[in-house]
Amino acid sequence: MATIGSIVVNVSASTTALSQGLNRARMNLAGFGKAMLRGAVVVGAFGAALATAAGGALALVTRRAFASIDATAKLARSLGVATEAVIALHHAAQLNGVSTQVMNRGLQMMTRTLGEAASRGGPAADEMARLGLDAARLASMRPDEAFREIAQAISEIQNPVERARAAYLLFGRQGMDLINVLALGADGLDAATREAERLGATFSAVDAAKIESANDSVLRLKTLFQGVGNQIAIQVAPLLSAVVERLVEAATAGSTLGEKVAGGMRMAVRAVGFLLDVFEALAFGSYIVQRSILQMASFILRHFQRIVEGAAMLPDWMGGGVAGKAAEGMARLVATVDAGLDYLQQRIDGLVQSPPASERLLRTFDDIQRKAQEAAEAIAGQTGALEDFQGAMEAVADEQERMNDLQRKAQRIYDATRTPLERYENTIGELSELLEKGLIDWETYGRAVQQAREELEGRAAAESASAGPGQFGTIDLSEIDLAGLALFEDRE
C-alpha cells in the first residue's frame, strides 16, 4: 500500500508539473501570437507609409519631368535642333558641373556670335579663322553640330589662357563656365550622347509634342478654373457689398462702434469663462472620485500591509523572509497611494478656495482694459508736447533754410565784387589744395592753371583796349602769382 501511495503521489506530482508546463506553453504561444499580430500591424503601417511616400515622390518626379521636357522641346525648337541633341549637351554639361541654364545661354550666345561673324566679321570671326574654322560654314550648320566642331577645335588648344580667350570670344561670359565641357572635344560629346541614350534620358520631338499638348491641356484647365472663380467673384461682389453695408449700418446705429466692440468682447470673455467654469466643475468631480477610489485602496492596502507585516515575523522556514520582502513592497505601494491622495487634496483645496474661473478671467480682462485706457490717456497727454516739439523743429528748419539762402546770396555778391586777379589767385589756391590731396594729377593741374592764366590775360587785354588815353587797365600782370605755373613747368 505504501508503494501504491507513493506511485499515486508521484503520478499526481508529475501530472501537476505537466499541467503547469502546458499552461506556460499556452501562455507563451498566446504572447507569440499577439507579438506576431503587432508586428504585422507595424509592417502594414510601414508598407502603407512607404507606398504613400513612393507615390508622392513619383508624382513629384513626373511633374518635374513634364516641366523639363516642355522647356527642352521649346528650346530645341527655338534653336532649330533635335531634342535628342539638346539633351545630350545638357547631360555633358551636368557631368562637368555646369547647369542646363548656362548651357542654354551658351548655345544662344554661340548662335548669335556665328551669325554676326559670318555677316560682319570681327574678333570672333578672326578667332575662328585662327582655330581653322569657317564662320559662314558654322553659321549654316545646326547649333549642336557647330558646338561639336568648336569644342573639338578648342580642346586642341594647349595653352589654358588662349583656350579661355577663345571660349569667351565665341560664347561670351558663359564660355568661362563651359570650358570643361568644350575640353571634352568631339569624342567626349559623342560619348555623353551615347550615355544619355543608354540611360533613357533622350526623347524625340514627337514625344515632346505629347508632353507639350498635355501641359497645354493642364493650362487650359487652370484657366477654366480661374475663369469660374472670376465669374463667381463678379456675381458675389454686389451681395458682399450689400452685406458689408448692412453690417456697417448695424454697427454704427445707436451706441458707438467702440462701445459695441467692447460689449461684444466682454460677452465673449463671459462665454469663455462659463466654459472654464464647466471644465473646473468636471475636474473637481473627477478629483473627488479619484480621491474616493484612492482612499478605499489605501484602506484595503493598509489591512493587507498589517497581515503581511505579521507574516514577516514568522521564521524563514515558514515563509517569514518572503513575507518581509512583500511587506517592503506593500509599504512602498501604500506610500505612493498616500502621495496621490495628498496631490488630489491639494487640487481640491485649490479649486474650493480660489474664485471661479469666469470671475478670474473677467477680472483679468478688466485689468487689461484699464491699463490700456491709462496708456492711451498718457499718450494723448503727450500728443500736445509732441506737436509743440514738431512745430519748434519746423521753425528751426525754416530759419536754417533762410540762413542758407542768405549765405548763398552773400557768396554771389562776394564773387561778383572780386577782381579778375583775386578770382585767379583763388582758383590757383583751390587747384593747389586739390593737387596736394591727390584729387587731381599734375597734368590736370597744369592745364587748369594755364586756362586760368589765359582767361586773366584776356580780361587784362580787354580792359586795356577799353581804357581811354592816359588810362590804364585795372589788372597789373606783374602782380600775378605764377608759382603754380612755374611749379608745373618744373614738374615737366
Protein backbone atom coordinates (compact mmCIF):
# COMPACT_ATOMS: atom_id res chain seq x y z
CA MET A 1 0.00 0.00 0.00
CA ALA A 2 2.84 2.31 0.77
CA THR A 3 4.22 1.63 -2.68
CA ILE A 4 0.87 2.31 -4.27
CA GLY A 5 0.54 5.51 -2.27
CA SER A 6 3.97 6.61 -3.41
CA ILE A 7 3.05 5.90 -7.03
CA VAL A 8 -0.17 7.90 -6.69
CA VAL A 9 1.69 10.80 -5.12
CA ASN A 10 4.41 10.68 -7.81
CA VAL A 11 1.90 10.47 -10.63
CA SER A 12 -0.09 13.34 -9.17
CA ALA A 13 3.05 15.43 -8.81
CA SER A 14 4.14 14.59 -12.34
CA THR A 15 0.70 15.43 -13.70
CA THR A 16 0.72 18.73 -11.86
CA ALA A 17 4.10 19.65 -13.33
CA LEU A 18 2.89 18.66 -16.78
CA SER A 19 -0.23 20.80 -16.42
CA GLN A 20 1.84 23.75 -15.31
CA GLY A 21 4.19 23.27 -18.27
CA LEU A 22 1.27 23.11 -20.67
CA ASN A 23 -0.22 26.26 -19.21
CA ARG A 24 3.08 28.10 -19.59
CA ALA A 25 3.40 26.86 -23.16
CA ARG A 26 -0.13 28.02 -23.94
CA MET A 27 0.62 31.47 -22.46
CA ASN A 28 3.87 31.70 -24.42
CA LEU A 29 2.04 30.77 -27.63
CA ALA A 30 -0.62 33.38 -26.95
CA GLY A 31 2.05 36.01 -26.33
CA PHE A 32 3.86 34.97 -29.50
CA GLY A 33 0.60 35.30 -31.45
CA LYS A 34 -0.01 38.79 -30.08
CA ALA A 35 3.56 39.79 -30.89
CA MET A 36 3.15 38.46 -34.43
CA LEU A 37 -0.11 40.41 -34.77
CA ARG A 38 1.55 43.62 -33.55
CA GLY A 39 4.44 43.01 -35.94
CA ALA A 40 2.02 42.53 -38.82
CA VAL A 41 0.28 45.79 -37.93
CA VAL A 42 3.62 47.63 -37.78
CA VAL A 43 4.76 46.11 -41.07
CA GLY A 44 1.44 47.02 -42.67
CA ALA A 45 1.64 50.59 -41.43
CA PHE A 46 5.23 50.86 -42.63
CA GLY A 47 4.23 49.45 -46.01
CA ALA A 48 1.37 51.93 -46.30
CA ALA A 49 3.66 54.82 -45.37
CA LEU A 50 6.30 53.60 -47.82
CA ALA A 51 3.69 53.30 -50.59
CA THR A 52 2.40 56.82 -49.84
CA ALA A 53 5.91 58.26 -49.87
CA ALA A 54 6.73 56.42 -53.09
CA GLY A 55 3.53 57.68 -54.68
CA GLY A 56 4.27 61.25 -53.65
CA ALA A 57 7.84 61.02 -54.91
CA LEU A 58 6.65 59.54 -58.20
CA ALA A 59 4.11 62.35 -58.62
CA LEU A 60 6.79 64.97 -57.89
CA VAL A 61 9.24 63.41 -60.35
CA THR A 62 6.54 63.19 -63.01
CA ARG A 63 5.53 66.83 -62.54
CA ARG A 64 9.15 67.96 -62.82
CA ALA A 65 9.67 65.76 -65.87
CA PHE A 66 6.66 67.38 -67.57
CA ALA A 67 8.13 70.84 -66.99
CA SER A 68 11.65 69.81 -68.04
CA ILE A 69 10.53 68.08 -71.24
CA ASP A 70 8.32 71.01 -72.19
CA ALA A 71 11.16 73.52 -71.66
CA THR A 72 13.64 71.33 -73.59
CA ALA A 73 11.26 71.00 -76.52
CA LYS A 74 10.70 74.75 -76.72
CA LEU A 75 14.45 75.42 -76.54
CA ALA A 76 15.17 72.85 -79.28
CA ARG A 77 12.52 74.40 -81.49
CA SER A 78 13.90 77.93 -80.95
CA LEU A 79 17.45 76.78 -81.80
CA GLY A 80 16.38 74.59 -84.70
CA VAL A 81 17.94 71.37 -83.35
CA ALA A 82 16.63 67.98 -82.35
CA THR A 83 15.56 67.41 -78.76
CA GLU A 84 17.99 64.48 -78.52
CA ALA A 85 20.89 66.83 -79.28
CA VAL A 86 19.83 69.34 -76.61
CA ILE A 87 19.50 66.57 -74.01
CA ALA A 88 22.92 65.17 -74.90
CA LEU A 89 24.53 68.60 -74.45
CA HIS A 90 22.66 69.05 -71.14
CA HIS A 91 23.97 65.67 -69.97
CA ALA A 92 27.55 66.57 -70.92
CA ALA A 93 27.23 69.90 -69.11
CA GLN A 94 25.86 68.38 -65.91
CA LEU A 95 28.60 65.75 -65.86
CA ASN A 96 31.11 68.62 -65.76
CA GLY A 97 29.36 70.70 -63.10
CA VAL A 98 27.60 73.10 -65.47
CA SER A 99 23.88 73.83 -65.16
CA THR A 100 21.50 73.41 -68.08
CA GLN A 101 20.67 77.14 -67.86
CA VAL A 102 24.31 78.05 -68.53
CA MET A 103 24.45 75.59 -71.45
CA ASN A 104 21.26 77.08 -72.92
CA ARG A 105 22.60 80.63 -72.70
CA GLY A 106 25.90 79.47 -74.18
CA LEU A 107 24.15 77.91 -77.19
CA GLN A 108 22.09 81.05 -77.74
CA MET A 109 25.20 83.25 -77.49
CA MET A 110 27.10 80.96 -79.89
CA THR A 111 24.29 81.15 -82.46
CA ARG A 112 24.23 84.95 -82.29
CA THR A 113 28.04 85.17 -82.46
CA LEU A 114 28.20 82.89 -85.53
CA GLY A 115 25.60 84.99 -87.35
CA GLU A 116 27.43 88.25 -86.62
CA ALA A 117 30.83 86.77 -87.51
CA ALA A 118 29.53 85.37 -90.81
CA SER A 119 27.91 88.68 -91.85
CA ARG A 120 30.20 91.37 -90.40
CA GLY A 121 33.38 89.63 -89.26
CA GLY A 122 35.02 90.95 -86.12
CA PRO A 123 37.11 89.47 -83.28
CA ALA A 124 35.02 86.27 -83.12
CA ALA A 125 35.49 85.67 -86.85
CA ASP A 126 39.24 86.26 -86.52
CA GLU A 127 39.41 83.82 -83.61
CA MET A 128 37.56 81.16 -85.58
CA ALA A 129 39.90 81.66 -88.51
CA ARG A 130 42.85 81.25 -86.13
CA LEU A 131 41.33 77.96 -84.98
CA GLY A 132 40.90 76.81 -88.57
CA LEU A 133 37.10 77.23 -88.53
CA ASP A 134 34.91 78.91 -91.14
CA ALA A 135 32.31 81.22 -89.58
CA ALA A 136 30.00 81.10 -92.62
CA ARG A 137 30.03 77.30 -92.69
CA LEU A 138 29.42 77.02 -88.95
CA ALA A 139 26.52 79.51 -89.18
CA SER A 140 24.85 77.30 -91.81
CA MET A 141 25.12 74.17 -89.62
CA ARG A 142 22.81 73.04 -86.84
CA PRO A 143 23.87 74.60 -83.49
CA ASP A 144 24.70 71.23 -81.93
CA GLU A 145 26.98 70.31 -84.85
CA ALA A 146 28.63 73.75 -84.73
CA PHE A 147 29.15 73.35 -80.98
CA ARG A 148 30.77 69.96 -81.59
CA GLU A 149 33.26 71.38 -84.12
CA ILE A 150 34.07 74.40 -81.95
CA ALA A 151 34.57 72.13 -78.92
CA GLN A 152 36.97 69.95 -80.92
CA ALA A 153 38.99 72.99 -82.03
CA ILE A 154 39.14 74.50 -78.52
CA SER A 155 40.08 71.14 -76.95
CA GLU A 156 43.19 71.06 -79.16
CA ILE A 157 44.47 74.35 -77.69
CA GLN A 158 47.20 73.55 -75.17
CA ASN A 159 47.60 76.99 -73.60
CA PRO A 160 44.87 77.47 -70.90
CA VAL A 161 44.88 81.27 -71.39
CA GLU A 162 44.33 81.01 -75.14
CA ARG A 163 41.64 78.38 -74.58
CA ALA A 164 39.79 80.69 -72.16
CA ARG A 165 40.15 83.58 -74.64
CA ALA A 166 38.63 81.53 -77.46
CA ALA A 167 35.75 80.37 -75.24
CA TYR A 168 35.00 83.94 -74.18
CA LEU A 169 35.03 85.33 -77.74
CA LEU A 170 32.67 82.63 -79.03
CA PHE A 171 30.36 82.09 -76.04
CA GLY A 172 30.58 85.32 -74.08
CA ARG A 173 30.59 85.15 -70.28
CA GLN A 174 29.14 81.63 -70.42
CA GLY A 175 32.31 80.48 -72.20
CA MET A 176 34.28 80.59 -68.94
CA ASP A 177 31.76 78.18 -67.37
CA LEU A 178 31.71 75.93 -70.46
CA ILE A 179 35.50 75.44 -70.68
CA ASN A 180 35.35 71.95 -69.12
CA VAL A 181 32.55 70.93 -71.49
CA LEU A 182 34.43 72.31 -74.52
CA ALA A 183 37.57 70.47 -73.37
CA LEU A 184 35.72 67.16 -73.96
CA GLY A 185 36.09 67.66 -77.70
CA ALA A 186 34.03 65.85 -80.30
CA ASP A 187 34.76 62.37 -78.90
CA GLY A 188 33.76 63.36 -75.36
CA LEU A 189 30.50 64.91 -76.54
CA ASP A 190 29.71 61.80 -78.61
CA ALA A 191 30.34 59.61 -75.54
CA ALA A 192 27.97 61.77 -73.45
CA THR A 193 25.35 61.47 -76.20
CA ARG A 194 25.58 57.67 -76.22
CA GLU A 195 25.39 57.55 -72.42
CA ALA A 196 22.27 59.76 -72.38
CA GLU A 197 20.61 57.45 -74.91
CA ARG A 198 21.61 54.36 -72.91
CA LEU A 199 20.16 55.86 -69.71
CA GLY A 200 16.85 56.65 -71.39
CA ALA A 201 17.18 60.41 -70.90
CA THR A 202 16.59 61.30 -74.56
CA PHE A 203 13.23 61.67 -76.25
CA SER A 204 12.07 62.60 -79.71
CA ALA A 205 10.21 65.67 -80.88
CA VAL A 206 7.05 63.55 -81.18
CA ASP A 207 7.31 62.51 -77.54
CA ALA A 208 7.94 66.10 -76.54
CA ALA A 209 4.88 67.21 -78.51
CA LYS A 210 2.76 64.84 -76.41
CA ILE A 211 4.06 66.41 -73.21
CA GLU A 212 3.52 69.92 -74.59
CA SER A 213 -0.04 69.02 -75.53
CA ALA A 214 -0.66 67.66 -72.02
CA ASN A 215 0.81 70.81 -70.46
CA ASP A 216 -1.36 72.97 -72.69
CA SER A 217 -4.41 70.98 -71.60
CA VAL A 218 -3.49 71.48 -67.94
CA LEU A 219 -3.04 75.19 -68.60
CA ARG A 220 -6.48 75.37 -70.22
CA LEU A 221 -7.95 73.58 -67.21
CA LYS A 222 -6.29 76.07 -64.85
CA THR A 223 -7.58 78.92 -66.98
CA LEU A 224 -11.07 77.40 -66.84
CA PHE A 225 -10.97 77.23 -63.03
CA GLN A 226 -9.65 80.79 -62.92
CA GLY A 227 -12.48 81.92 -65.17
CA VAL A 228 -15.03 80.18 -62.97
CA GLY A 229 -13.52 81.86 -59.92
CA ASN A 230 -13.60 85.24 -61.65
CA GLN A 231 -17.28 84.85 -62.55
CA ILE A 232 -18.15 83.74 -59.02
CA ALA A 233 -16.31 86.77 -57.62
CA ILE A 234 -18.16 89.06 -60.04
CA GLN A 235 -21.53 87.66 -59.01
CA VAL A 236 -20.74 87.65 -55.30
CA ALA A 237 -19.33 91.21 -55.26
CA PRO A 238 -22.75 93.01 -55.17
CA LEU A 239 -24.01 90.67 -52.47
CA LEU A 240 -20.86 91.17 -50.44
CA SER A 241 -21.19 94.95 -50.79
CA ALA A 242 -24.78 94.80 -49.55
CA VAL A 243 -23.83 92.60 -46.59
CA VAL A 244 -20.97 94.93 -45.64
CA GLU A 245 -23.26 97.96 -45.84
CA ARG A 246 -25.80 96.28 -43.58
CA LEU A 247 -23.07 95.36 -41.11
CA VAL A 248 -21.78 98.94 -41.08
CA GLU A 249 -25.28 100.29 -40.52
CA ALA A 250 -25.88 97.84 -37.70
CA ALA A 251 -22.52 98.58 -36.12
CA THR A 252 -22.91 102.36 -36.25
CA ALA A 253 -26.57 102.52 -35.16
CA GLY A 254 -27.27 103.55 -31.54
CA SER A 255 -24.13 103.44 -29.44
CA THR A 256 -20.65 103.97 -30.86
CA LEU A 257 -18.78 101.22 -32.62
CA GLY A 258 -16.14 101.14 -29.90
CA GLU A 259 -18.78 100.55 -27.23
CA LYS A 260 -20.32 97.74 -29.25
CA VAL A 261 -16.96 96.10 -29.82
CA ALA A 262 -16.14 96.38 -26.11
CA GLY A 263 -19.52 94.91 -25.22
CA GLY A 264 -19.02 92.06 -27.67
CA MET A 265 -15.57 91.33 -26.28
CA ARG A 266 -16.98 91.27 -22.76
CA MET A 267 -19.70 88.84 -23.81
CA ALA A 268 -17.07 86.62 -25.46
CA VAL A 269 -14.99 86.68 -22.27
CA ARG A 270 -18.06 85.70 -20.25
CA ALA A 271 -18.76 82.81 -22.63
CA VAL A 272 -15.18 81.57 -22.34
CA GLY A 273 -15.39 81.97 -18.57
CA PHE A 274 -18.56 79.85 -18.48
CA LEU A 275 -16.77 77.07 -20.39
CA LEU A 276 -13.84 77.28 -17.98
CA ASP A 277 -16.26 77.00 -15.05
CA VAL A 278 -17.73 73.86 -16.60
CA PHE A 279 -14.27 72.37 -17.08
CA GLU A 280 -13.30 73.21 -13.50
CA ALA A 281 -16.51 71.63 -12.22
CA LEU A 282 -15.78 68.46 -14.19
CA ALA A 283 -12.21 68.47 -12.90
CA PHE A 284 -13.47 68.94 -9.32
CA GLY A 285 -15.82 65.99 -9.69
CA SER A 286 -13.03 63.88 -11.20
CA TYR A 287 -10.72 64.74 -8.29
CA ILE A 288 -13.43 63.76 -5.77
CA VAL A 289 -13.98 60.39 -7.48
CA GLN A 290 -10.24 59.71 -7.71
CA ARG A 291 -9.77 60.62 -4.06
CA SER A 292 -12.59 58.24 -3.01
CA ILE A 293 -11.05 55.40 -5.01
CA LEU A 294 -7.60 56.01 -3.57
CA GLN A 295 -9.00 56.26 -0.05
CA MET A 296 -10.68 52.88 -0.47
CA ALA A 297 -7.50 51.42 -1.95
CA SER A 298 -5.46 52.87 0.89
CA PHE A 299 -7.82 51.30 3.47
CA ILE A 300 -7.54 47.87 1.85
CA LEU A 301 -3.80 48.07 1.33
CA ARG A 302 -3.17 49.07 4.94
CA HIS A 303 -5.06 45.95 6.16
CA PHE A 304 -3.04 43.75 3.83
CA GLN A 305 0.10 45.53 5.00
CA ARG A 306 -0.66 44.58 8.61
CA ILE A 307 -1.23 40.96 7.62
CA VAL A 308 2.00 40.80 5.62
CA GLU A 309 3.95 42.51 8.39
CA GLY A 310 2.60 39.91 10.83
CA ALA A 311 3.66 37.08 8.47
CA ALA A 312 7.11 38.63 8.20
CA MET A 313 7.60 37.92 11.92
CA LEU A 314 7.50 34.14 11.24
CA PRO A 315 10.70 32.13 10.84
CA ASP A 316 12.23 31.91 7.37
CA TRP A 317 11.36 28.20 7.03
CA MET A 318 7.73 29.19 7.44
CA GLY A 319 7.96 31.93 4.78
CA GLY A 320 8.92 34.84 7.02
CA GLY A 321 11.70 36.05 4.67
CA VAL A 322 9.38 36.13 1.65
CA ALA A 323 6.73 37.94 3.67
CA GLY A 324 9.32 40.54 4.78
CA LYS A 325 10.13 41.41 1.17
CA ALA A 326 6.43 41.59 0.40
CA ALA A 327 5.94 43.92 3.38
CA GLU A 328 8.59 46.28 1.98
CA GLY A 329 6.86 46.39 -1.40
CA MET A 330 3.50 46.88 0.28
CA ALA A 331 4.92 49.83 2.26
CA ARG A 332 6.14 51.48 -0.93
CA LEU A 333 2.76 50.96 -2.58
CA VAL A 334 0.94 52.49 0.42
CA ALA A 335 3.32 55.49 0.33
CA THR A 336 2.60 56.01 -3.39
CA VAL A 337 -1.15 55.92 -2.77
CA ASP A 338 -0.80 58.40 0.11
CA ALA A 339 1.21 60.77 -2.16
CA GLY A 340 -1.57 60.56 -4.72
CA LEU A 341 -4.14 61.38 -2.06
CA ASP A 342 -2.12 64.42 -0.95
CA TYR A 343 -1.89 65.70 -4.54
CA LEU A 344 -5.63 65.28 -5.13
CA GLN A 345 -6.43 67.01 -1.84
CA GLN A 346 -4.26 69.98 -2.84
CA ARG A 347 -6.03 70.26 -6.16
CA ILE A 348 -9.44 70.07 -4.48
CA ASP A 349 -8.49 72.69 -1.87
CA GLY A 350 -7.18 74.98 -4.62
CA LEU A 351 -10.45 74.80 -6.54
CA VAL A 352 -12.51 75.34 -3.41
CA GLN A 353 -10.52 78.33 -2.16
CA SER A 354 -9.99 80.16 -5.46
CA PRO A 355 -12.76 82.19 -7.13
CA PRO A 356 -14.48 80.71 -10.22
CA ALA A 357 -12.55 80.73 -13.48
CA SER A 358 -15.08 83.08 -15.12
CA GLU A 359 -14.54 85.63 -12.38
CA ARG A 360 -10.74 85.40 -12.67
CA LEU A 361 -10.91 85.75 -16.45
CA LEU A 362 -13.27 88.73 -16.30
CA ARG A 363 -11.07 90.39 -13.69
CA THR A 364 -8.03 89.93 -15.93
CA PHE A 365 -9.94 91.35 -18.91
CA ASP A 366 -11.00 94.41 -16.92
CA ASP A 367 -7.44 94.91 -15.70
CA ILE A 368 -6.10 94.80 -19.27
CA GLN A 369 -8.71 97.31 -20.44
CA ARG A 370 -7.91 99.62 -17.53
CA LYS A 371 -4.18 99.57 -18.25
CA ALA A 372 -4.82 100.12 -21.96
CA GLN A 373 -7.02 103.13 -21.15
CA GLU A 374 -4.35 104.57 -18.84
CA ALA A 375 -1.71 104.12 -21.55
CA ALA A 376 -3.97 105.79 -24.14
CA GLU A 377 -4.58 108.75 -21.84
CA ALA A 378 -0.84 109.07 -21.18
CA ILE A 379 -0.13 109.06 -24.91
CA ALA A 380 -2.89 111.59 -25.52
CA GLY A 381 -1.38 113.84 -22.83
CA GLN A 382 1.97 113.71 -24.60
CA THR A 383 0.49 114.49 -28.02
CA GLY A 384 0.38 118.25 -27.31
CA ALA A 385 4.02 118.32 -26.23
CA LEU A 386 4.99 116.30 -29.30
CA GLU A 387 3.15 118.71 -31.59
CA ASP A 388 4.87 121.68 -29.93
CA PHE A 389 8.24 119.98 -30.38
CA GLN A 390 7.50 119.29 -34.03
CA GLY A 391 6.48 122.94 -34.53
CA ALA A 392 9.72 124.12 -32.94
CA MET A 393 11.76 121.79 -35.14
CA GLU A 394 9.96 123.05 -38.24
CA ALA A 395 10.70 126.65 -37.19
CA VAL A 396 14.38 125.75 -36.72
CA ALA A 397 14.44 124.13 -40.16
CA ASP A 398 12.83 127.21 -41.75
CA GLU A 399 15.35 129.50 -40.06
CA GLN A 400 18.21 127.28 -41.19
CA GLU A 401 16.92 127.37 -44.77
CA ARG A 402 16.65 131.16 -44.60
CA MET A 403 20.24 131.43 -43.33
CA ASN A 404 21.44 129.12 -46.10
CA ASP A 405 19.69 131.30 -48.66
CA LEU A 406 21.33 134.41 -47.22
CA GLN A 407 24.72 132.71 -47.33
CA ARG A 408 24.22 131.82 -50.98
CA LYS A 409 23.29 135.44 -51.76
CA ALA A 410 26.31 136.70 -49.84
CA GLN A 411 28.54 134.31 -51.77
CA ARG A 412 27.14 135.54 -55.09
CA ILE A 413 27.75 139.19 -54.06
CA TYR A 414 31.27 138.30 -52.94
CA ASP A 415 32.02 136.53 -56.23
CA ALA A 416 30.57 139.43 -58.26
CA THR A 417 32.77 142.03 -56.49
CA ARG A 418 36.04 140.10 -56.84
CA THR A 419 38.58 141.45 -59.29
CA PRO A 420 39.87 139.12 -62.04
CA LEU A 421 43.21 138.92 -60.25
CA GLU A 422 41.52 137.87 -56.97
CA ARG A 423 39.49 135.24 -58.77
CA TYR A 424 42.65 133.97 -60.44
CA GLU A 425 44.51 133.69 -57.15
CA ASN A 426 41.52 131.93 -55.56
CA THR A 427 41.46 129.43 -58.45
CA ILE A 428 45.20 128.76 -58.06
CA GLY A 429 44.71 128.17 -54.31
CA GLU A 430 41.91 125.70 -54.88
CA LEU A 431 43.90 123.83 -57.54
CA SER A 432 46.94 123.62 -55.25
CA GLU A 433 44.83 122.16 -52.45
CA LEU A 434 43.30 119.56 -54.81
CA LEU A 435 46.77 118.62 -56.07
CA GLU A 436 48.16 118.33 -52.53
CA LYS A 437 45.37 115.94 -51.51
CA GLY A 438 45.87 113.82 -54.61
CA LEU A 439 42.42 114.52 -56.05
CA ILE A 440 43.88 115.70 -59.39
CA ASP A 441 47.11 114.81 -61.21
CA TRP A 442 49.87 117.10 -62.42
CA GLU A 443 48.61 117.17 -65.99
CA THR A 444 45.15 118.32 -64.94
CA TYR A 445 46.68 120.85 -62.58
CA GLY A 446 48.88 122.36 -65.34
CA ARG A 447 46.03 122.60 -67.81
CA ALA A 448 43.78 124.28 -65.25
CA VAL A 449 46.49 126.82 -64.29
CA GLN A 450 47.18 127.59 -67.95
CA GLN A 451 43.46 128.07 -68.64
CA ALA A 452 43.10 130.41 -65.64
CA ARG A 453 46.09 132.48 -66.80
CA GLU A 454 44.74 132.74 -70.35
CA GLU A 455 41.39 133.94 -69.01
CA LEU A 456 43.13 136.53 -66.83
CA GLU A 457 45.27 137.77 -69.74
CA GLY A 458 42.17 138.04 -71.91
CA ARG A 459 40.44 140.20 -69.31
CA ALA A 460 43.60 142.37 -68.98
CA ALA A 461 43.75 142.89 -72.73
CA ALA A 462 40.05 143.78 -72.86
CA GLU A 463 40.42 146.35 -70.08
CA SER A 464 43.49 147.87 -71.70
CA ALA A 465 41.68 148.23 -75.02
CA SER A 466 38.69 149.90 -73.36
CA ALA A 467 40.81 152.37 -71.35
CA GLY A 468 40.96 155.92 -72.67
CA PRO A 469 44.14 157.95 -73.49
CA GLY A 470 46.33 158.20 -70.45
CA GLN A 471 44.34 155.47 -68.67
CA PHE A 472 45.48 152.02 -67.83
CA GLY A 473 43.58 148.81 -67.06
CA THR A 474 42.94 147.69 -63.52
CA ILE A 475 44.89 144.42 -63.91
CA ASP A 476 48.64 144.51 -63.36
CA LEU A 477 50.04 141.28 -64.80
CA SER A 478 53.27 141.82 -62.90
CA GLU A 479 51.38 141.12 -59.68
CA ILE A 480 50.16 137.70 -60.85
CA ASP A 481 51.46 134.83 -58.75
CA LEU A 482 52.97 132.44 -61.29
CA ALA A 483 54.17 129.99 -58.64
CA GLY A 484 51.67 127.34 -59.69
CA LEU A 485 52.55 127.57 -63.37
CA ALA A 486 56.27 127.60 -62.64
CA LEU A 487 55.87 124.57 -60.40
CA PHE A 488 54.09 122.74 -63.21
CA GLU A 489 56.87 123.68 -65.69
CA ASP A 490 59.48 122.37 -63.26
CA ARG A 491 57.49 119.17 -62.93
CA GLU A 492 57.57 118.67 -66.68
